[in-house]
Amino acid sequence: MKFRGGMNELMRQASRMQRKIEKRREELGSEEFEAGAGNDQVKVVASGNAEIVRITIDPALLEGEGLEMVQDLVVAACNAALTKAREHVDGELEQVTGGLKIPGMT
């Protein structure tokens, strides 16, 4: 099977796709994703770059629960926010690549 346009055209297309992926990844980096734990007494916001942006803890939780419980809720909310961000970014990048799993590009 011969590729139409040859290897040069394939390389140009791969380069264009890489630029689209990088541009979309940059755009997604500024988006924020929120998740909560403990009936939303702990809320965490993560960026599309998988960085924690903000943590909010209801003061009533600090009074009513022990430190260990609050720490567990913070970890759970962080993991949920990061998962939400990662799944959204992966889904958006999959649209750019047309569903192709390209090693090193996504």
PDB file of N, CA and C in Angstrom:
ATOM      1  N   MET A   1       0.839  -1.180   0.000  1.00  0.00           N
ATOM      2  CA  MET A   1       0.000   0.000   0.000  1.00  0.00           C
ATOM      3  C   MET A   1       0.882   1.241   0.000  1.00  0.00           C
ATOM      4  N   LYS A   2       0.618   2.114  -0.920  1.00  0.00           N
ATOM      5  CA  LYS A   2       1.424   3.316  -1.048  1.00  0.00           C
ATOM      6  C   LYS A   2       0.623   4.502  -0.517  1.00  0.00           C
ATOM      7  N   PHE A   3       1.260   5.326   0.320  1.00  0.00           N
ATOM      8  CA  PHE A   3       0.605   6.499   0.889  1.00  0.00           C
ATOM      9  C   PHE A   3       0.590   7.624  -0.134  1.00  0.00           C
ATOM     10  N   ARG A   4      -0.568   8.183  -0.361  1.00  0.00           N
ATOM     11  CA  ARG A   4      -0.720   9.255  -1.326  1.00  0.00           C
ATOM     12  C   ARG A   4       0.025  10.502  -0.837  1.00  0.00           C
ATOM     13  N   GLY A   5       0.913  11.024  -1.639  1.00  0.00           N
ATOM     14  CA  GLY A   5       1.670  12.213  -1.279  1.00  0.00           C
ATOM     15  C   GLY A   5       3.034  11.883  -0.699  1.00  0.00           C
ATOM     16  N   GLY A   6       3.259  10.638  -0.389  1.00  0.00           N
ATOM     17  CA  GLY A   6       4.565  10.219   0.089  1.00  0.00           C
ATOM     18  C   GLY A   6       4.828  10.548   1.552  1.00  0.00           C
ATOM     19  N   MET A   7       6.034  10.238   1.946  1.00  0.00           N
ATOM     20  CA  MET A   7       6.455  10.398   3.332  1.00  0.00           C
ATOM     21  C   MET A   7       6.465  11.866   3.754  1.00  0.00           C
ATOM     22  N   ASN A   8       6.818  12.773   2.842  1.00  0.00           N
ATOM     23  CA  ASN A   8       6.841  14.199   3.180  1.00  0.00           C
ATOM     24  C   ASN A   8       5.453  14.694   3.578  1.00  0.00           C
ATOM     25  N   GLU A   9       4.447  14.270   2.849  1.00  0.00           N
ATOM     26  CA  GLU A   9       3.075  14.688   3.173  1.00  0.00           C
ATOM     27  C   GLU A   9       2.652  14.107   4.523  1.00  0.00           C
ATOM     28  N   LEU A  10       3.013  12.872   4.790  1.00  0.00           N
ATOM     29  CA  LEU A  10       2.696  12.252   6.075  1.00  0.00           C
ATOM     30  C   LEU A  10       3.340  13.032   7.219  1.00  0.00           C
ATOM     31  N   MET A  11       4.585  13.434   7.035  1.00  0.00           N
ATOM     32  CA  MET A  11       5.289  14.204   8.066  1.00  0.00           C
ATOM     33  C   MET A  11       4.645  15.577   8.260  1.00  0.00           C
ATOM     34  N   ARG A  12       4.212  16.215   7.185  1.00  0.00           N
ATOM     35  CA  ARG A  12       3.530  17.517   7.303  1.00  0.00           C
ATOM     36  C   ARG A  12       2.232  17.373   8.070  1.00  0.00           C
ATOM     37  N   GLN A  13       1.480  16.318   7.766  1.00  0.00           N
ATOM     38  CA  GLN A  13       0.214  16.091   8.474  1.00  0.00           C
ATOM     39  C   GLN A  13       0.457  15.819   9.956  1.00  0.00           C
ATOM     40  N   ALA A  14       1.475  15.047  10.268  1.00  0.00           N
ATOM     41  CA  ALA A  14       1.806  14.762  11.662  1.00  0.00           C
ATOM     42  C   ALA A  14       2.215  16.044  12.385  1.00  0.00           C
ATOM     43  N   SER A  15       2.947  16.891  11.716  1.00  0.00           N
ATOM     44  CA  SER A  15       3.371  18.164  12.304  1.00  0.00           C
ATOM     45  C   SER A  15       2.167  19.072  12.555  1.00  0.00           C
ATOM     46  N   ARG A  16       1.246  19.123  11.602  1.00  0.00           N
ATOM     47  CA  ARG A  16       0.024  19.929  11.777  1.00  0.00           C
ATOM     48  C   ARG A  16      -0.797  19.411  12.948  1.00  0.00           C
ATOM     49  N   MET A  17      -0.926  18.091  13.044  1.00  0.00           N
ATOM     50  CA  MET A  17      -1.688  17.503  14.141  1.00  0.00           C
ATOM     51  C   MET A  17      -1.018  17.818  15.481  1.00  0.00           C
ATOM     52  N   GLN A  18       0.294  17.748  15.529  1.00  0.00           N
ATOM     53  CA  GLN A  18       1.023  18.056  16.767  1.00  0.00           C
ATOM     54  C   GLN A  18       0.764  19.500  17.182  1.00  0.00           C
ATOM     55  N   ARG A  19       0.779  20.432  16.229  1.00  0.00           N
ATOM     56  CA  ARG A  19       0.512  21.843  16.549  1.00  0.00           C
ATOM     57  C   ARG A  19      -0.920  22.017  17.071  1.00  0.00           C
ATOM     58  N   LYS A  20      -1.880  21.307  16.447  1.00  0.00           N
ATOM     59  CA  LYS A  20      -3.268  21.386  16.913  1.00  0.00           C
ATOM     60  C   LYS A  20      -3.400  20.844  18.337  1.00  0.00           C
ATOM     61  N   ILE A  21      -2.718  19.745  18.608  1.00  0.00           N
ATOM     62  CA  ILE A  21      -2.766  19.142  19.943  1.00  0.00           C
ATOM     63  C   ILE A  21      -2.174  20.105  20.965  1.00  0.00           C
ATOM     64  N   GLU A  22      -1.022  20.687  20.656  1.00  0.00           N
ATOM     65  CA  GLU A  22      -0.372  21.613  21.579  1.00  0.00           C
ATOM     66  C   GLU A  22      -1.237  22.843  21.829  1.00  0.00           C
ATOM     67  N   LYS A  23      -1.851  23.362  20.773  1.00  0.00           N
ATOM     68  CA  LYS A  23      -2.723  24.542  20.918  1.00  0.00           C
ATOM     69  C   LYS A  23      -3.922  24.203  21.798  1.00  0.00           C
ATOM     70  N   ARG A  24      -4.553  23.064  21.542  1.00  0.00           N
ATOM     71  CA  ARG A  24      -5.731  22.662  22.318  1.00  0.00           C
ATOM     72  C   ARG A  24      -5.354  22.370  23.767  1.00  0.00           C
ATOM     73  N   ARG A  25      -4.204  21.759  23.974  1.00  0.00           N
ATOM     74  CA  ARG A  25      -3.733  21.470  25.336  1.00  0.00           C
ATOM     75  C   ARG A  25      -3.522  22.785  26.107  1.00  0.00           C
ATOM     76  N   GLU A  26      -2.973  23.788  25.421  1.00  0.00           N
ATOM     77  CA  GLU A  26      -2.765  25.100  26.044  1.00  0.00           C
ATOM     78  C   GLU A  26      -4.104  25.741  26.409  1.00  0.00           C
ATOM     79  N   GLU A  27      -5.069  25.666  25.511  1.00  0.00           N
ATOM     80  CA  GLU A  27      -6.403  26.213  25.790  1.00  0.00           C
ATOM     81  C   GLU A  27      -7.047  25.502  26.982  1.00  0.00           C
ATOM     82  N   LEU A  28      -6.928  24.191  27.007  1.00  0.00           N
ATOM     83  CA  LEU A  28      -7.528  23.410  28.090  1.00  0.00           C
ATOM     84  C   LEU A  28      -6.841  23.665  29.426  1.00  0.00           C
ATOM     85  N   GLY A  29      -5.581  24.069  29.394  1.00  0.00           N
ATOM     86  CA  GLY A  29      -4.849  24.337  30.618  1.00  0.00           C
ATOM     87  C   GLY A  29      -5.459  25.450  31.447  1.00  0.00           C
ATOM     88  N   SER A  30      -6.157  26.362  30.791  1.00  0.00           N
ATOM     89  CA  SER A  30      -6.762  27.476  31.525  1.00  0.00           C
ATOM     90  C   SER A  30      -8.171  27.147  32.031  1.00  0.00           C
ATOM     91  N   GLU A  31      -8.718  26.018  31.625  1.00  0.00           N
ATOM     92  CA  GLU A  31     -10.042  25.621  32.125  1.00  0.00           C
ATOM     93  C   GLU A  31      -9.915  25.074  33.539  1.00  0.00           C
ATOM     94  N   GLU A  32     -11.014  25.213  34.306  1.00  0.00           N
ATOM     95  CA  GLU A  32     -11.017  24.726  35.681  1.00  0.00           C
ATOM     96  C   GLU A  32     -12.113  23.688  35.866  1.00  0.00           C
ATOM     97  N   PHE A  33     -11.820  22.711  36.736  1.00  0.00           N
ATOM     98  CA  PHE A  33     -12.735  21.604  36.998  1.00  0.00           C
ATOM     99  C   PHE A  33     -12.878  21.453  38.505  1.00  0.00           C
ATOM    100  N   GLU A  34     -14.116  21.457  38.976  1.00  0.00           N
ATOM    101  CA  GLU A  34     -14.375  21.400  40.413  1.00  0.00           C
ATOM    102  C   GLU A  34     -14.985  20.065  40.807  1.00  0.00           C
ATOM    103  N   ALA A  35     -14.572  19.591  41.969  1.00  0.00           N
ATOM    104  CA  ALA A  35     -15.152  18.373  42.535  1.00  0.00           C
ATOM    105  C   ALA A  35     -15.208  18.566  44.043  1.00  0.00           C
ATOM    106  N   GLY A  36     -16.139  17.845  44.662  1.00  0.00           N
ATOM    107  CA  GLY A  36     -16.287  17.960  46.103  1.00  0.00           C
ATOM    108  C   GLY A  36     -16.309  16.602  46.772  1.00  0.00           C
ATOM    109  N   ALA A  37     -16.184  16.636  48.098  1.00  0.00           N
ATOM    110  CA  ALA A  37     -16.259  15.421  48.908  1.00  0.00           C
ATOM    111  C   ALA A  37     -16.948  15.787  50.218  1.00  0.00           C
ATOM    112  N   GLY A  38     -17.498  14.780  50.867  1.00  0.00           N
ATOM    113  CA  GLY A  38     -18.172  15.033  52.138  1.00  0.00           C
ATOM    114  C   GLY A  38     -19.346  15.972  51.983  1.00  0.00           C
ATOM    115  N   ASN A  39     -20.243  15.645  51.055  1.00  0.00           N
ATOM    116  CA  ASN A  39     -21.395  16.517  50.760  1.00  0.00           C
ATOM    117  C   ASN A  39     -20.958  17.930  50.402  1.00  0.00           C
ATOM    118  N   ASP A  40     -19.891  18.015  49.641  1.00  0.00           N
ATOM    119  CA  ASP A  40     -19.324  19.284  49.171  1.00  0.00           C
ATOM    120  C   ASP A  40     -18.832  20.189  50.300  1.00  0.00           C
ATOM    121  N   GLN A  41     -18.524  19.610  51.448  1.00  0.00           N
ATOM    122  CA  GLN A  41     -17.926  20.403  52.513  1.00  0.00           C
ATOM    123  C   GLN A  41     -16.463  20.694  52.194  1.00  0.00           C
ATOM    124  N   VAL A  42     -15.888  19.884  51.340  1.00  0.00           N
ATOM    125  CA  VAL A  42     -14.545  20.133  50.810  1.00  0.00           C
ATOM    126  C   VAL A  42     -14.690  20.214  49.299  1.00  0.00           C
ATOM    127  N   LYS A  43     -14.248  21.337  48.733  1.00  0.00           N
ATOM    128  CA  LYS A  43     -14.294  21.515  47.280  1.00  0.00           C
ATOM    129  C   LYS A  43     -12.900  21.814  46.784  1.00  0.00           C
ATOM    130  N   VAL A  44     -12.568  21.207  45.649  1.00  0.00           N
ATOM    131  CA  VAL A  44     -11.252  21.397  45.046  1.00  0.00           C
ATOM    132  C   VAL A  44     -11.446  21.778  43.592  1.00  0.00           C
ATOM    133  N   VAL A  45     -10.642  22.741  43.156  1.00  0.00           N
ATOM    134  CA  VAL A  45     -10.638  23.150  41.760  1.00  0.00           C
ATOM    135  C   VAL A  45      -9.271  22.803  41.182  1.00  0.00           C
ATOM    136  N   ALA A  46      -9.291  22.079  40.058  1.00  0.00           N
ATOM    137  CA  ALA A  46      -8.063  21.705  39.350  1.00  0.00           C
ATOM    138  C   ALA A  46      -8.090  22.330  37.961  1.00  0.00           C
ATOM    139  N   SER A  47      -6.910  22.623  37.445  1.00  0.00           N
ATOM    140  CA  SER A  47      -6.816  23.165  36.091  1.00  0.00           C
ATOM    141  C   SER A  47      -6.707  22.027  35.089  1.00  0.00           C
ATOM    142  N   GLY A  48      -6.850  22.372  33.823  1.00  0.00           N
ATOM    143  CA  GLY A  48      -6.666  21.396  32.761  1.00  0.00           C
ATOM    144  C   GLY A  48      -5.230  20.910  32.662  1.00  0.00           C
ATOM    145  N   ASN A  49      -4.314  21.597  33.337  1.00  0.00           N
ATOM    146  CA  ASN A  49      -2.914  21.168  33.405  1.00  0.00           C
ATOM    147  C   ASN A  49      -2.677  20.218  34.560  1.00  0.00           C
ATOM    148  N   ALA A  50      -3.755  19.748  35.189  1.00  0.00           N
ATOM    149  CA  ALA A  50      -3.687  18.815  36.316  1.00  0.00           C
ATOM    150  C   ALA A  50      -2.955  19.420  37.506  1.00  0.00           C
ATOM    151  N   GLU A  51      -3.256  20.689  37.786  1.00  0.00           N
ATOM    152  CA  GLU A  51      -2.707  21.354  38.957  1.00  0.00           C
ATOM    153  C   GLU A  51      -3.864  21.789  39.848  1.00  0.00           C
ATOM    154  N   ILE A  52      -3.685  21.649  41.158  1.00  0.00           N
ATOM    155  CA  ILE A  52      -4.710  22.100  42.092  1.00  0.00           C
ATOM    156  C   ILE A  52      -4.654  23.622  42.143  1.00  0.00           C
ATOM    157  N   VAL A  53      -5.804  24.260  41.912  1.00  0.00           N
ATOM    158  CA  VAL A  53      -5.887  25.714  41.869  1.00  0.00           C
ATOM    159  C   VAL A  53      -6.398  26.275  43.199  1.00  0.00           C
ATOM    160  N   ARG A  54      -7.379  25.568  43.777  1.00  0.00           N
ATOM    161  CA  ARG A  54      -8.020  26.109  44.977  1.00  0.00           C
ATOM    162  C   ARG A  54      -8.651  24.984  45.779  1.00  0.00           C
ATOM    163  N   ILE A  55      -8.588  25.093  47.091  1.00  0.00           N
ATOM    164  CA  ILE A  55      -9.260  24.162  48.001  1.00  0.00           C
ATOM    165  C   ILE A  55     -10.106  24.993  48.961  1.00  0.00           C
ATOM    166  N   THR A  56     -11.364  24.619  49.085  1.00  0.00           N
ATOM    167  CA  THR A  56     -12.274  25.301  50.002  1.00  0.00           C
ATOM    168  C   THR A  56     -12.797  24.275  50.996  1.00  0.00           C
ATOM    169  N   ILE A  57     -12.696  24.607  52.288  1.00  0.00           N
ATOM    170  CA  ILE A  57     -13.176  23.711  53.343  1.00  0.00           C
ATOM    171  C   ILE A  57     -14.196  24.464  54.181  1.00  0.00           C
ATOM    172  N   ASP A  58     -15.366  23.873  54.336  1.00  0.00           N
ATOM    173  CA  ASP A  58     -16.423  24.461  55.164  1.00  0.00           C
ATOM    174  C   ASP A  58     -15.933  24.505  56.611  1.00  0.00           C
ATOM    175  N   PRO A  59     -15.928  25.686  57.232  1.00  0.00           N
ATOM    176  CA  PRO A  59     -15.449  25.801  58.616  1.00  0.00           C
ATOM    177  C   PRO A  59     -16.187  24.883  59.595  1.00  0.00           C
ATOM    178  N   ALA A  60     -17.446  24.603  59.338  1.00  0.00           N
ATOM    179  CA  ALA A  60     -18.214  23.718  60.219  1.00  0.00           C
ATOM    180  C   ALA A  60     -17.622  22.307  60.221  1.00  0.00           C
ATOM    181  N   LEU A  61     -17.050  21.903  59.100  1.00  0.00           N
ATOM    182  CA  LEU A  61     -16.428  20.583  59.020  1.00  0.00           C
ATOM    183  C   LEU A  61     -15.228  20.501  59.964  1.00  0.00           C
ATOM    184  N   LEU A  62     -14.470  21.578  60.033  1.00  0.00           N
ATOM    185  CA  LEU A  62     -13.291  21.604  60.895  1.00  0.00           C
ATOM    186  C   LEU A  62     -13.670  21.507  62.374  1.00  0.00           C
ATOM    187  N   GLU A  63     -14.817  22.050  62.710  1.00  0.00           N
ATOM    188  CA  GLU A  63     -15.264  21.999  64.098  1.00  0.00           C
ATOM    189  C   GLU A  63     -15.837  20.635  64.462  1.00  0.00           C
ATOM    190  N   GLY A  64     -16.519  20.004  63.508  1.00  0.00           N
ATOM    191  CA  GLY A  64     -17.253  18.779  63.806  1.00  0.00           C
ATOM    192  C   GLY A  64     -16.496  17.486  63.574  1.00  0.00           C
ATOM    193  N   GLU A  65     -15.463  17.508  62.746  1.00  0.00           N
ATOM    194  CA  GLU A  65     -14.740  16.285  62.399  1.00  0.00           C
ATOM    195  C   GLU A  65     -13.297  16.369  62.865  1.00  0.00           C
ATOM    196  N   GLY A  66     -12.684  15.238  62.972  1.00  0.00           N
ATOM    197  CA  GLY A  66     -11.271  15.185  63.338  1.00  0.00           C
ATOM    198  C   GLY A  66     -10.394  15.519  62.153  1.00  0.00           C
ATOM    199  N   LEU A  67      -9.163  15.824  62.451  1.00  0.00           N
ATOM    200  CA  LEU A  67      -8.195  16.197  61.417  1.00  0.00           C
ATOM    201  C   LEU A  67      -8.035  15.107  60.362  1.00  0.00           C
ATOM    202  N   GLU A  68      -7.986  13.868  60.786  1.00  0.00           N
ATOM    203  CA  GLU A  68      -7.794  12.756  59.852  1.00  0.00           C
ATOM    204  C   GLU A  68      -8.936  12.674  58.833  1.00  0.00           C
ATOM    205  N   MET A  69     -10.166  12.880  59.291  1.00  0.00           N
ATOM    206  CA  MET A  69     -11.321  12.845  58.384  1.00  0.00           C
ATOM    207  C   MET A  69     -11.237  13.984  57.373  1.00  0.00           C
ATOM    208  N   VAL A  70     -10.876  15.171  57.815  1.00  0.00           N
ATOM    209  CA  VAL A  70     -10.757  16.321  56.914  1.00  0.00           C
ATOM    210  C   VAL A  70      -9.659  16.056  55.886  1.00  0.00           C
ATOM    211  N   GLN A  71      -8.549  15.507  56.321  1.00  0.00           N
ATOM    212  CA  GLN A  71      -7.464  15.196  55.396  1.00  0.00           C
ATOM    213  C   GLN A  71      -7.910  14.179  54.350  1.00  0.00           C
ATOM    214  N   ASP A  72      -8.645  13.175  54.766  1.00  0.00           N
ATOM    215  CA  ASP A  72      -9.156  12.173  53.828  1.00  0.00           C
ATOM    216  C   ASP A  72     -10.098  12.809  52.810  1.00  0.00           C
ATOM    217  N   LEU A  73     -10.945  13.728  53.254  1.00  0.00           N
ATOM    218  CA  LEU A  73     -11.870  14.400  52.340  1.00  0.00           C
ATOM    219  C   LEU A  73     -11.124  15.292  51.354  1.00  0.00           C
ATOM    220  N   VAL A  74     -10.062  15.947  51.806  1.00  0.00           N
ATOM    221  CA  VAL A  74      -9.265  16.784  50.904  1.00  0.00           C
ATOM    222  C   VAL A  74      -8.620  15.912  49.822  1.00  0.00           C
ATOM    223  N   VAL A  75      -8.070  14.792  50.215  1.00  0.00           N
ATOM    224  CA  VAL A  75      -7.448  13.881  49.244  1.00  0.00           C
ATOM    225  C   VAL A  75      -8.494  13.375  48.247  1.00  0.00           C
ATOM    226  N   ALA A  76      -9.666  12.989  48.750  1.00  0.00           N
ATOM    227  CA  ALA A  76     -10.724  12.478  47.863  1.00  0.00           C
ATOM    228  C   ALA A  76     -11.179  13.549  46.879  1.00  0.00           C
ATOM    229  N   ALA A  77     -11.356  14.771  47.357  1.00  0.00           N
ATOM    230  CA  ALA A  77     -11.794  15.853  46.475  1.00  0.00           C
ATOM    231  C   ALA A  77     -10.716  16.192  45.447  1.00  0.00           C
ATOM    232  N   CYS A  78      -9.457  16.189  45.866  1.00  0.00           N
ATOM    233  CA  CYS A  78      -8.349  16.449  44.928  1.00  0.00           C
ATOM    234  C   CYS A  78      -8.316  15.395  43.827  1.00  0.00           C
ATOM    235  N   ASN A  79      -8.398  14.139  44.220  1.00  0.00           N
ATOM    236  CA  ASN A  79      -8.381  13.062  43.230  1.00  0.00           C
ATOM    237  C   ASN A  79      -9.558  13.154  42.271  1.00  0.00           C
ATOM    238  N   ALA A  80     -10.727  13.499  42.793  1.00  0.00           N
ATOM    239  CA  ALA A  80     -11.911  13.624  41.935  1.00  0.00           C
ATOM    240  C   ALA A  80     -11.756  14.774  40.946  1.00  0.00           C
ATOM    241  N   ALA A  81     -11.241  15.909  41.410  1.00  0.00           N
ATOM    242  CA  ALA A  81     -11.054  17.059  40.520  1.00  0.00           C
ATOM    243  C   ALA A  81     -10.009  16.762  39.447  1.00  0.00           C
ATOM    244  N   LEU A  82      -8.911  16.127  39.834  1.00  0.00           N
ATOM    245  CA  LEU A  82      -7.869  15.782  38.866  1.00  0.00           C
ATOM    246  C   LEU A  82      -8.371  14.764  37.842  1.00  0.00           C
ATOM    247  N   THR A  83      -9.158  13.802  38.297  1.00  0.00           N
ATOM    248  CA  THR A  83      -9.739  12.816  37.380  1.00  0.00           C
ATOM    249  C   THR A  83     -10.679  13.492  36.392  1.00  0.00           C
ATOM    250  N   LYS A  84     -11.511  14.388  36.898  1.00  0.00           N
ATOM    251  CA  LYS A  84     -12.443  15.111  36.023  1.00  0.00           C
ATOM    252  C   LYS A  84     -11.674  15.913  34.978  1.00  0.00           C
ATOM    253  N   ALA A  85     -10.619  16.613  35.397  1.00  0.00           N
ATOM    254  CA  ALA A  85      -9.808  17.402  34.468  1.00  0.00           C
ATOM    255  C   ALA A  85      -9.141  16.509  33.428  1.00  0.00           C
ATOM    256  N   ARG A  86      -8.534  15.417  33.886  1.00  0.00           N
ATOM    257  CA  ARG A  86      -7.819  14.504  32.984  1.00  0.00           C
ATOM    258  C   ARG A  86      -8.778  13.889  31.955  1.00  0.00           C
ATOM    259  N   GLU A  87      -9.954  13.455  32.400  1.00  0.00           N
ATOM    260  CA  GLU A  87     -10.915  12.845  31.472  1.00  0.00           C
ATOM    261  C   GLU A  87     -11.402  13.854  30.445  1.00  0.00           C
ATOM    262  N   HIS A  88     -11.624  15.095  30.873  1.00  0.00           N
ATOM    263  CA  HIS A  88     -12.080  16.119  29.935  1.00  0.00           C
ATOM    264  C   HIS A  88     -10.995  16.424  28.902  1.00  0.00           C
ATOM    265  N   VAL A  89      -9.761  16.601  29.363  1.00  0.00           N
ATOM    266  CA  VAL A  89      -8.651  16.894  28.455  1.00  0.00           C
ATOM    267  C   VAL A  89      -8.447  15.732  27.485  1.00  0.00           C
ATOM    268  N   ASP A  90      -8.450  14.506  27.989  1.00  0.00           N
ATOM    269  CA  ASP A  90      -8.287  13.343  27.110  1.00  0.00           C
ATOM    270  C   ASP A  90      -9.381  13.286  26.049  1.00  0.00           C
ATOM    271  N   GLY A  91     -10.620  13.566  26.446  1.00  0.00           N
ATOM    272  CA  GLY A  91     -11.732  13.555  25.500  1.00  0.00           C
ATOM    273  C   GLY A  91     -11.582  14.622  24.431  1.00  0.00           C
ATOM    274  N   GLU A  92     -11.150  15.810  24.848  1.00  0.00           N
ATOM    275  CA  GLU A  92     -10.966  16.899  23.886  1.00  0.00           C
ATOM    276  C   GLU A  92      -9.827  16.593  22.914  1.00  0.00           C
ATOM    277  N   LEU A  93      -8.742  16.043  23.426  1.00  0.00           N
ATOM    278  CA  LEU A  93      -7.611  15.715  22.549  1.00  0.00           C
ATOM    279  C   LEU A  93      -7.946  14.563  21.610  1.00  0.00           C
ATOM    280  N   GLU A  94      -8.811  13.676  22.065  1.00  0.00           N
ATOM    281  CA  GLU A  94      -9.254  12.571  21.200  1.00  0.00           C
ATOM    282  C   GLU A  94     -10.014  13.121  20.000  1.00  0.00           C
ATOM    283  N   GLN A  95     -10.764  14.209  20.204  1.00  0.00           N
ATOM    284  CA  GLN A  95     -11.471  14.832  19.080  1.00  0.00           C
ATOM    285  C   GLN A  95     -10.481  15.414  18.071  1.00  0.00           C
ATOM    286  N   VAL A  96      -9.388  15.992  18.572  1.00  0.00           N
ATOM    287  CA  VAL A  96      -8.385  16.578  17.680  1.00  0.00           C
ATOM    288  C   VAL A  96      -7.722  15.495  16.837  1.00  0.00           C
ATOM    289  N   THR A  97      -7.438  14.345  17.460  1.00  0.00           N
ATOM    290  CA  THR A  97      -6.737  13.275  16.748  1.00  0.00           C
ATOM    291  C   THR A  97      -7.685  12.347  15.991  1.00  0.00           C
ATOM    292  N   GLY A  98      -8.971  12.606  16.091  1.00  0.00           N
ATOM    293  CA  GLY A  98      -9.933  11.746  15.412  1.00  0.00           C
ATOM    294  C   GLY A  98     -10.026  10.372  16.047  1.00  0.00           C
ATOM    295  N   GLY A  99      -9.678  10.282  17.327  1.00  0.00           N
ATOM    296  CA  GLY A  99      -9.765   9.026  18.029  1.00  0.00           C
ATOM    297  C   GLY A  99      -8.522   8.149  17.926  1.00  0.00           C
ATOM    298  N   LEU A 100      -7.536   8.623  17.178  1.00  0.00           N
ATOM    299  CA  LEU A 100      -6.298   7.845  17.030  1.00  0.00           C
ATOM    300  C   LEU A 100      -5.463   7.988  18.295  1.00  0.00           C
ATOM    301  N   LYS A 101      -4.928   6.885  18.765  1.00  0.00           N
ATOM    302  CA  LYS A 101      -4.003   6.887  19.900  1.00  0.00           C
ATOM    303  C   LYS A 101      -2.588   6.962  19.333  1.00  0.00           C
ATOM    304  N   ILE A 102      -2.018   8.137  19.361  1.00  0.00           N
ATOM    305  CA  ILE A 102      -0.698   8.347  18.761  1.00  0.00           C
ATOM    306  C   ILE A 102       0.322   8.504  19.885  1.00  0.00           C
ATOM    307  N   PRO A 103       1.214   7.549  20.041  1.00  0.00           N
ATOM    308  CA  PRO A 103       2.218   7.628  21.107  1.00  0.00           C
ATOM    309  C   PRO A 103       3.048   8.905  20.995  1.00  0.00           C
ATOM    310  N   GLY A 104       3.214   9.585  22.119  1.00  0.00           N
ATOM    311  CA  GLY A 104       4.030  10.791  22.140  1.00  0.00           C
ATOM    312  C   GLY A 104       3.313  12.053  21.729  1.00  0.00           C
ATOM    313  N   MET A 105       2.099  11.924  21.181  1.00  0.00           N
ATOM    314  CA  MET A 105       1.374  13.132  20.750  1.00  0.00           C
ATOM    315  C   MET A 105       0.254  13.483  21.704  1.00  0.00           C
ATOM    316  N   THR A 106      -0.339  12.510  22.352  1.00  0.00           N
ATOM    317  CA  THR A 106      -1.461  12.822  23.234  1.00  0.00           C
ATOM    318  C   THR A 106      -1.081  12.609  24.670  1.00  0.00           C
TER     319      THR A 106
END
